[in-house]
Amino acid sequence: MTEKMIGSVTHYYNHLHVATVRITDGELHLGDMIHIEGHTSDFIQKIASMELEHKSVDVAKPGDIVGIATNEHARENDRVYVVH
């Protein structure tokens, strides 16, 4: 398995279990496997839903800040990788 960093978490909403992720490099697609890693975070999950400005999207590109439903708690500045 290889990983490529595509962005970082900018905020986490506890009550929604949603992380906002700023995409800085590459594209993120619905169904991609991601690895979120930080000081206390370290988990892998599949992207089941992704929103850009409160609208569902299938692809996020550099410069986008998307909301992603997460299975575990993420924190600001956690690194986000796409797993291949």
PDB file of N, CA and C in Angstrom:
ATOM      1  N   MET A   1       0.830  -1.182   0.000  1.00  0.00           N
ATOM      2  CA  MET A   1       0.000   0.000   0.000  1.00  0.00           C
ATOM      3  C   MET A   1       0.878   1.251   0.000  1.00  0.00           C
ATOM      4  N   THR A   2       0.504   2.204  -0.825  1.00  0.00           N
ATOM      5  CA  THR A   2       1.209   3.486  -0.829  1.00  0.00           C
ATOM      6  C   THR A   2       0.237   4.580  -0.416  1.00  0.00           C
ATOM      7  N   GLU A   3       0.781   5.656   0.125  1.00  0.00           N
ATOM      8  CA  GLU A   3      -0.032   6.783   0.562  1.00  0.00           C
ATOM      9  C   GLU A   3       0.519   8.061  -0.048  1.00  0.00           C
ATOM     10  N   LYS A   4      -0.407   8.969  -0.407  1.00  0.00           N
ATOM     11  CA  LYS A   4      -0.008  10.272  -0.926  1.00  0.00           C
ATOM     12  C   LYS A   4      -0.776  11.334  -0.146  1.00  0.00           C
ATOM     13  N   MET A   5      -0.050  12.268   0.464  1.00  0.00           N
ATOM     14  CA  MET A   5      -0.703  13.331   1.227  1.00  0.00           C
ATOM     15  C   MET A   5      -1.469  14.232   0.272  1.00  0.00           C
ATOM     16  N   ILE A   6      -2.739  14.477   0.598  1.00  0.00           N
ATOM     17  CA  ILE A   6      -3.553  15.332  -0.264  1.00  0.00           C
ATOM     18  C   ILE A   6      -4.057  16.577   0.442  1.00  0.00           C
ATOM     19  N   GLY A   7      -3.919  16.625   1.777  1.00  0.00           N
ATOM     20  CA  GLY A   7      -4.405  17.803   2.484  1.00  0.00           C
ATOM     21  C   GLY A   7      -4.338  17.637   3.985  1.00  0.00           C
ATOM     22  N   SER A   8      -5.097  18.508   4.672  1.00  0.00           N
ATOM     23  CA  SER A   8      -5.106  18.461   6.136  1.00  0.00           C
ATOM     24  C   SER A   8      -6.480  18.859   6.664  1.00  0.00           C
ATOM     25  N   VAL A   9      -6.739  18.426   7.890  1.00  0.00           N
ATOM     26  CA  VAL A   9      -8.001  18.747   8.554  1.00  0.00           C
ATOM     27  C   VAL A   9      -7.945  20.194   9.034  1.00  0.00           C
ATOM     28  N   THR A  10      -8.984  20.967   8.702  1.00  0.00           N
ATOM     29  CA  THR A  10      -9.048  22.353   9.162  1.00  0.00           C
ATOM     30  C   THR A  10      -9.966  22.517  10.365  1.00  0.00           C
ATOM     31  N   HIS A  11     -10.927  21.592  10.531  1.00  0.00           N
ATOM     32  CA  HIS A  11     -11.844  21.656  11.669  1.00  0.00           C
ATOM     33  C   HIS A  11     -12.522  20.305  11.820  1.00  0.00           C
ATOM     34  N   TYR A  12     -12.970  20.002  13.041  1.00  0.00           N
ATOM     35  CA  TYR A  12     -13.732  18.778  13.287  1.00  0.00           C
ATOM     36  C   TYR A  12     -14.988  19.140  14.073  1.00  0.00           C
ATOM     37  N   TYR A  13     -16.130  18.674  13.591  1.00  0.00           N
ATOM     38  CA  TYR A  13     -17.415  18.924  14.242  1.00  0.00           C
ATOM     39  C   TYR A  13     -17.818  17.668  15.020  1.00  0.00           C
ATOM     40  N   ASN A  14     -17.653  17.711  16.356  1.00  0.00           N
ATOM     41  CA  ASN A  14     -17.938  16.559  17.222  1.00  0.00           C
ATOM     42  C   ASN A  14     -19.348  16.025  17.051  1.00  0.00           C
ATOM     43  N   HIS A  15     -20.331  16.918  17.101  1.00  0.00           N
ATOM     44  CA  HIS A  15     -21.722  16.478  17.089  1.00  0.00           C
ATOM     45  C   HIS A  15     -22.146  15.879  15.745  1.00  0.00           C
ATOM     46  N   LEU A  16     -21.424  16.188  14.669  1.00  0.00           N
ATOM     47  CA  LEU A  16     -21.749  15.658  13.340  1.00  0.00           C
ATOM     48  C   LEU A  16     -20.819  14.529  12.913  1.00  0.00           C
ATOM     49  N   HIS A  17     -19.692  14.378  13.604  1.00  0.00           N
ATOM     50  CA  HIS A  17     -18.637  13.431  13.199  1.00  0.00           C
ATOM     51  C   HIS A  17     -18.171  13.742  11.776  1.00  0.00           C
ATOM     52  N   VAL A  18     -17.901  15.030  11.556  1.00  0.00           N
ATOM     53  CA  VAL A  18     -17.472  15.511  10.235  1.00  0.00           C
ATOM     54  C   VAL A  18     -16.179  16.303  10.380  1.00  0.00           C
ATOM     55  N   ALA A  19     -15.226  16.006   9.493  1.00  0.00           N
ATOM     56  CA  ALA A  19     -13.977  16.768   9.421  1.00  0.00           C
ATOM     57  C   ALA A  19     -14.006  17.597   8.154  1.00  0.00           C
ATOM     58  N   THR A  20     -13.570  18.858   8.256  1.00  0.00           N
ATOM     59  CA  THR A  20     -13.376  19.643   7.038  1.00  0.00           C
ATOM     60  C   THR A  20     -11.911  19.485   6.642  1.00  0.00           C
ATOM     61  N   VAL A  21     -11.700  19.203   5.363  1.00  0.00           N
ATOM     62  CA  VAL A  21     -10.369  18.915   4.854  1.00  0.00           C
ATOM     63  C   VAL A  21     -10.044  19.864   3.710  1.00  0.00           C
ATOM     64  N   ARG A  22      -8.903  20.565   3.832  1.00  0.00           N
ATOM     65  CA  ARG A  22      -8.414  21.424   2.748  1.00  0.00           C
ATOM     66  C   ARG A  22      -7.564  20.558   1.828  1.00  0.00           C
ATOM     67  N   ILE A  23      -7.977  20.462   0.567  1.00  0.00           N
ATOM     68  CA  ILE A  23      -7.242  19.679  -0.425  1.00  0.00           C
ATOM     69  C   ILE A  23      -6.116  20.564  -0.976  1.00  0.00           C
ATOM     70  N   THR A  24      -4.876  20.080  -0.865  1.00  0.00           N
ATOM     71  CA  THR A  24      -3.730  20.867  -1.317  1.00  0.00           C
ATOM     72  C   THR A  24      -3.005  20.240  -2.497  1.00  0.00           C
ATOM     73  N   ASP A  25      -3.152  18.920  -2.671  1.00  0.00           N
ATOM     74  CA  ASP A  25      -2.398  18.247  -3.725  1.00  0.00           C
ATOM     75  C   ASP A  25      -3.171  17.023  -4.209  1.00  0.00           C
ATOM     76  N   GLY A  26      -3.509  16.985  -5.477  1.00  0.00           N
ATOM     77  CA  GLY A  26      -4.222  15.845  -6.035  1.00  0.00           C
ATOM     78  C   GLY A  26      -5.723  15.985  -5.874  1.00  0.00           C
ATOM     79  N   GLU A  27      -6.428  14.905  -6.160  1.00  0.00           N
ATOM     80  CA  GLU A  27      -7.881  14.887  -6.073  1.00  0.00           C
ATOM     81  C   GLU A  27      -8.336  13.826  -5.080  1.00  0.00           C
ATOM     82  N   LEU A  28      -9.475  14.084  -4.467  1.00  0.00           N
ATOM     83  CA  LEU A  28     -10.095  13.136  -3.553  1.00  0.00           C
ATOM     84  C   LEU A  28     -11.433  12.751  -4.158  1.00  0.00           C
ATOM     85  N   HIS A  29     -11.683  11.447  -4.288  1.00  0.00           N
ATOM     86  CA  HIS A  29     -12.900  10.945  -4.919  1.00  0.00           C
ATOM     87  C   HIS A  29     -13.748  10.186  -3.914  1.00  0.00           C
ATOM     88  N   LEU A  30     -15.057  10.265  -4.095  1.00  0.00           N
ATOM     89  CA  LEU A  30     -15.970   9.468  -3.308  1.00  0.00           C
ATOM     90  C   LEU A  30     -15.572   8.005  -3.471  1.00  0.00           C
ATOM     91  N   GLY A  31     -15.476   7.261  -2.392  1.00  0.00           N
ATOM     92  CA  GLY A  31     -15.077   5.862  -2.450  1.00  0.00           C
ATOM     93  C   GLY A  31     -13.595   5.632  -2.210  1.00  0.00           C
ATOM     94  N   ASP A  32     -12.781   6.710  -2.233  1.00  0.00           N
ATOM     95  CA  ASP A  32     -11.343   6.574  -1.949  1.00  0.00           C
ATOM     96  C   ASP A  32     -11.130   6.134  -0.505  1.00  0.00           C
ATOM     97  N   MET A  33     -10.045   5.415  -0.278  1.00  0.00           N
ATOM     98  CA  MET A  33      -9.615   5.091   1.080  1.00  0.00           C
ATOM     99  C   MET A  33      -8.672   6.213   1.515  1.00  0.00           C
ATOM    100  N   ILE A  34      -8.881   6.735   2.722  1.00  0.00           N
ATOM    101  CA  ILE A  34      -8.002   7.776   3.244  1.00  0.00           C
ATOM    102  C   ILE A  34      -7.421   7.339   4.582  1.00  0.00           C
ATOM    103  N   HIS A  35      -6.277   7.931   4.901  1.00  0.00           N
ATOM    104  CA  HIS A  35      -5.608   7.718   6.190  1.00  0.00           C
ATOM    105  C   HIS A  35      -5.502   9.086   6.834  1.00  0.00           C
ATOM    106  N   ILE A  36      -6.093   9.250   8.001  1.00  0.00           N
ATOM    107  CA  ILE A  36      -5.996  10.499   8.759  1.00  0.00           C
ATOM    108  C   ILE A  36      -5.043  10.244   9.912  1.00  0.00           C
ATOM    109  N   GLU A  37      -4.003  11.069   9.977  1.00  0.00           N
ATOM    110  CA  GLU A  37      -2.950  10.855  10.962  1.00  0.00           C
ATOM    111  C   GLU A  37      -2.542  12.183  11.588  1.00  0.00           C
ATOM    112  N   GLY A  38      -2.370  12.158  12.892  1.00  0.00           N
ATOM    113  CA  GLY A  38      -1.943  13.352  13.606  1.00  0.00           C
ATOM    114  C   GLY A  38      -1.364  12.971  14.951  1.00  0.00           C
ATOM    115  N   HIS A  39      -1.311  13.943  15.856  1.00  0.00           N
ATOM    116  CA  HIS A  39      -0.716  13.740  17.178  1.00  0.00           C
ATOM    117  C   HIS A  39      -1.395  12.582  17.921  1.00  0.00           C
ATOM    118  N   THR A  40      -2.725  12.552  17.882  1.00  0.00           N
ATOM    119  CA  THR A  40      -3.447  11.470  18.560  1.00  0.00           C
ATOM    120  C   THR A  40      -4.402  10.729  17.637  1.00  0.00           C
ATOM    121  N   SER A  41      -4.466  11.103  16.365  1.00  0.00           N
ATOM    122  CA  SER A  41      -5.349  10.446  15.392  1.00  0.00           C
ATOM    123  C   SER A  41      -4.532   9.509  14.511  1.00  0.00           C
ATOM    124  N   ASP A  42      -5.122   8.383  14.166  1.00  0.00           N
ATOM    125  CA  ASP A  42      -4.462   7.455  13.245  1.00  0.00           C
ATOM    126  C   ASP A  42      -5.482   6.402  12.823  1.00  0.00           C
ATOM    127  N   PHE A  43      -6.206   6.665  11.724  1.00  0.00           N
ATOM    128  CA  PHE A  43      -7.196   5.694  11.260  1.00  0.00           C
ATOM    129  C   PHE A  43      -7.340   5.766   9.744  1.00  0.00           C
ATOM    130  N   ILE A  44      -7.827   4.661   9.194  1.00  0.00           N
ATOM    131  CA  ILE A  44      -8.064   4.545   7.760  1.00  0.00           C
ATOM    132  C   ILE A  44      -9.551   4.289   7.555  1.00  0.00           C
ATOM    133  N   GLN A  45     -10.125   4.948   6.565  1.00  0.00           N
ATOM    134  CA  GLN A  45     -11.536   4.733   6.268  1.00  0.00           C
ATOM    135  C   GLN A  45     -11.821   5.048   4.806  1.00  0.00           C
ATOM    136  N   LYS A  46     -12.972   4.586   4.350  1.00  0.00           N
ATOM    137  CA  LYS A  46     -13.440   4.857   2.991  1.00  0.00           C
ATOM    138  C   LYS A  46     -14.301   6.118   3.014  1.00  0.00           C
ATOM    139  N   ILE A  47     -14.180   6.942   1.973  1.00  0.00           N
ATOM    140  CA  ILE A  47     -14.999   8.150   1.868  1.00  0.00           C
ATOM    141  C   ILE A  47     -16.400   7.740   1.427  1.00  0.00           C
ATOM    142  N   ALA A  48     -17.359   7.821   2.362  1.00  0.00           N
ATOM    143  CA  ALA A  48     -18.738   7.437   2.064  1.00  0.00           C
ATOM    144  C   ALA A  48     -19.584   8.644   1.670  1.00  0.00           C
ATOM    145  N   SER A  49     -19.220   9.837   2.177  1.00  0.00           N
ATOM    146  CA  SER A  49     -19.939  11.056   1.802  1.00  0.00           C
ATOM    147  C   SER A  49     -18.976  12.233   1.883  1.00  0.00           C
ATOM    148  N   MET A  50     -19.184  13.168   0.955  1.00  0.00           N
ATOM    149  CA  MET A  50     -18.298  14.331   0.879  1.00  0.00           C
ATOM    150  C   MET A  50     -19.126  15.508   0.389  1.00  0.00           C
ATOM    151  N   GLU A  51     -18.983  16.661   1.057  1.00  0.00           N
ATOM    152  CA  GLU A  51     -19.744  17.849   0.675  1.00  0.00           C
ATOM    153  C   GLU A  51     -18.833  19.049   0.485  1.00  0.00           C
ATOM    154  N   LEU A  52     -19.185  19.858  -0.497  1.00  0.00           N
ATOM    155  CA  LEU A  52     -18.512  21.127  -0.771  1.00  0.00           C
ATOM    156  C   LEU A  52     -19.592  22.196  -0.747  1.00  0.00           C
ATOM    157  N   GLU A  53     -19.473  23.152   0.176  1.00  0.00           N
ATOM    158  CA  GLU A  53     -20.467  24.211   0.359  1.00  0.00           C
ATOM    159  C   GLU A  53     -21.877  23.641   0.499  1.00  0.00           C
ATOM    160  N   HIS A  54     -22.012  22.621   1.336  1.00  0.00           N
ATOM    161  CA  HIS A  54     -23.287  21.978   1.681  1.00  0.00           C
ATOM    162  C   HIS A  54     -23.954  21.248   0.526  1.00  0.00           C
ATOM    163  N   LYS A  55     -23.183  20.911  -0.520  1.00  0.00           N
ATOM    164  CA  LYS A  55     -23.704  20.127  -1.637  1.00  0.00           C
ATOM    165  C   LYS A  55     -22.838  18.890  -1.809  1.00  0.00           C
ATOM    166  N   SER A  56     -23.477  17.744  -2.016  1.00  0.00           N
ATOM    167  CA  SER A  56     -22.730  16.501  -2.219  1.00  0.00           C
ATOM    168  C   SER A  56     -21.900  16.579  -3.493  1.00  0.00           C
ATOM    169  N   VAL A  57     -20.659  16.119  -3.396  1.00  0.00           N
ATOM    170  CA  VAL A  57     -19.766  16.095  -4.560  1.00  0.00           C
ATOM    171  C   VAL A  57     -19.094  14.733  -4.642  1.00  0.00           C
ATOM    172  N   ASP A  58     -18.650  14.384  -5.851  1.00  0.00           N
ATOM    173  CA  ASP A  58     -17.947  13.125  -6.071  1.00  0.00           C
ATOM    174  C   ASP A  58     -16.440  13.311  -6.099  1.00  0.00           C
ATOM    175  N   VAL A  59     -15.985  14.565  -6.387  1.00  0.00           N
ATOM    176  CA  VAL A  59     -14.554  14.849  -6.520  1.00  0.00           C
ATOM    177  C   VAL A  59     -14.231  16.175  -5.846  1.00  0.00           C
ATOM    178  N   ALA A  60     -13.098  16.210  -5.132  1.00  0.00           N
ATOM    179  CA  ALA A  60     -12.586  17.452  -4.551  1.00  0.00           C
ATOM    180  C   ALA A  60     -11.203  17.695  -5.146  1.00  0.00           C
ATOM    181  N   LYS A  61     -10.923  18.968  -5.493  1.00  0.00           N
ATOM    182  CA  LYS A  61      -9.670  19.338  -6.152  1.00  0.00           C
ATOM    183  C   LYS A  61      -8.884  20.317  -5.282  1.00  0.00           C
ATOM    184  N   PRO A  62      -7.606  20.538  -5.614  1.00  0.00           N
ATOM    185  CA  PRO A  62      -6.804  21.476  -4.824  1.00  0.00           C
ATOM    186  C   PRO A  62      -7.506  22.823  -4.649  1.00  0.00           C
ATOM    187  N   GLY A  63      -7.488  23.314  -3.419  1.00  0.00           N
ATOM    188  CA  GLY A  63      -8.143  24.571  -3.083  1.00  0.00           C
ATOM    189  C   GLY A  63      -9.514  24.375  -2.461  1.00  0.00           C
ATOM    190  N   ASP A  64     -10.124  23.204  -2.675  1.00  0.00           N
ATOM    191  CA  ASP A  64     -11.436  22.913  -2.088  1.00  0.00           C
ATOM    192  C   ASP A  64     -11.298  22.596  -0.604  1.00  0.00           C
ATOM    193  N   ILE A  65     -12.309  22.986   0.153  1.00  0.00           N
ATOM    194  CA  ILE A  65     -12.417  22.579   1.554  1.00  0.00           C
ATOM    195  C   ILE A  65     -13.716  21.787   1.652  1.00  0.00           C
ATOM    196  N   VAL A  66     -13.585  20.481   1.870  1.00  0.00           N
ATOM    197  CA  VAL A  66     -14.750  19.591   1.852  1.00  0.00           C
ATOM    198  C   VAL A  66     -15.028  19.031   3.227  1.00  0.00           C
ATOM    199  N   GLY A  67     -16.292  18.750   3.474  1.00  0.00           N
ATOM    200  CA  GLY A  67     -16.703  18.084   4.697  1.00  0.00           C
ATOM    201  C   GLY A  67     -16.774  16.590   4.439  1.00  0.00           C
ATOM    202  N   ILE A  68     -16.177  15.807   5.323  1.00  0.00           N
ATOM    203  CA  ILE A  68     -16.138  14.357   5.186  1.00  0.00           C
ATOM    204  C   ILE A  68     -16.622  13.728   6.485  1.00  0.00           C
ATOM    205  N   ALA A  69     -17.603  12.834   6.370  1.00  0.00           N
ATOM    206  CA  ALA A  69     -18.055  12.086   7.551  1.00  0.00           C
ATOM    207  C   ALA A  69     -16.937  11.135   7.956  1.00  0.00           C
ATOM    208  N   THR A  70     -16.590  11.123   9.241  1.00  0.00           N
ATOM    209  CA  THR A  70     -15.489  10.280   9.716  1.00  0.00           C
ATOM    210  C   THR A  70     -15.990   9.242  10.714  1.00  0.00           C
ATOM    211  N   ASN A  71     -15.298   8.112  10.748  1.00  0.00           N
ATOM    212  CA  ASN A  71     -15.631   7.037  11.677  1.00  0.00           C
ATOM    213  C   ASN A  71     -15.047   7.293  13.058  1.00  0.00           C
ATOM    214  N   GLU A  72     -13.984   8.085  13.109  1.00  0.00           N
ATOM    215  CA  GLU A  72     -13.312   8.375  14.377  1.00  0.00           C
ATOM    216  C   GLU A  72     -13.073   9.881  14.493  1.00  0.00           C
ATOM    217  N   HIS A  73     -12.596  10.290  15.648  1.00  0.00           N
ATOM    218  CA  HIS A  73     -12.357  11.709  15.918  1.00  0.00           C
ATOM    219  C   HIS A  73     -11.088  12.180  15.198  1.00  0.00           C
ATOM    220  N   ALA A  74     -11.211  13.263  14.445  1.00  0.00           N
ATOM    221  CA  ALA A  74     -10.062  13.884  13.789  1.00  0.00           C
ATOM    222  C   ALA A  74      -9.811  15.229  14.474  1.00  0.00           C
ATOM    223  N   ARG A  75      -8.620  15.765  14.278  1.00  0.00           N
ATOM    224  CA  ARG A  75      -8.263  17.033  14.910  1.00  0.00           C
ATOM    225  C   ARG A  75      -7.665  17.992  13.895  1.00  0.00           C
ATOM    226  N   GLU A  76      -7.756  19.286  14.200  1.00  0.00           N
ATOM    227  CA  GLU A  76      -7.161  20.299  13.324  1.00  0.00           C
ATOM    228  C   GLU A  76      -5.696  19.976  13.080  1.00  0.00           C
ATOM    229  N   ASN A  77      -5.268  20.183  11.848  1.00  0.00           N
ATOM    230  CA  ASN A  77      -3.892  19.962  11.394  1.00  0.00           C
ATOM    231  C   ASN A  77      -3.521  18.493  11.206  1.00  0.00           C
ATOM    232  N   ASP A  78      -4.460  17.554  11.421  1.00  0.00           N
ATOM    233  CA  ASP A  78      -4.168  16.164  11.076  1.00  0.00           C
ATOM    234  C   ASP A  78      -3.900  16.090   9.579  1.00  0.00           C
ATOM    235  N   ARG A  79      -2.968  15.224   9.199  1.00  0.00           N
ATOM    236  CA  ARG A  79      -2.640  15.037   7.783  1.00  0.00           C
ATOM    237  C   ARG A  79      -3.589  14.025   7.173  1.00  0.00           C
ATOM    238  N   VAL A  80      -3.978  14.265   5.911  1.00  0.00           N
ATOM    239  CA  VAL A  80      -4.901  13.371   5.215  1.00  0.00           C
ATOM    240  C   VAL A  80      -4.186  12.808   3.993  1.00  0.00           C
ATOM    241  N   TYR A  81      -4.162  11.493   3.904  1.00  0.00           N
ATOM    242  CA  TYR A  81      -3.503  10.787   2.804  1.00  0.00           C
ATOM    243  C   TYR A  81      -4.523   9.940   2.046  1.00  0.00           C
ATOM    244  N   VAL A  82      -4.328   9.810   0.718  1.00  0.00           N
ATOM    245  CA  VAL A  82      -5.101   8.845  -0.055  1.00  0.00           C
ATOM    246  C   VAL A  82      -4.278   7.560  -0.056  1.00  0.00           C
ATOM    247  N   VAL A  83      -4.949   6.441   0.206  1.00  0.00           N
ATOM    248  CA  VAL A  83      -4.278   5.135   0.259  1.00  0.00           C
ATOM    249  C   VAL A  83      -4.565   4.396  -1.041  1.00  0.00           C
ATOM    250  N   HIS A  84      -3.495   3.933  -1.701  1.00  0.00           N
ATOM    251  CA  HIS A  84      -3.648   3.174  -2.965  1.00  0.00           C
ATOM    252  C   HIS A  84      -3.238   1.747  -2.766  1.00  0.00           C
TER     253      HIS A  84
END
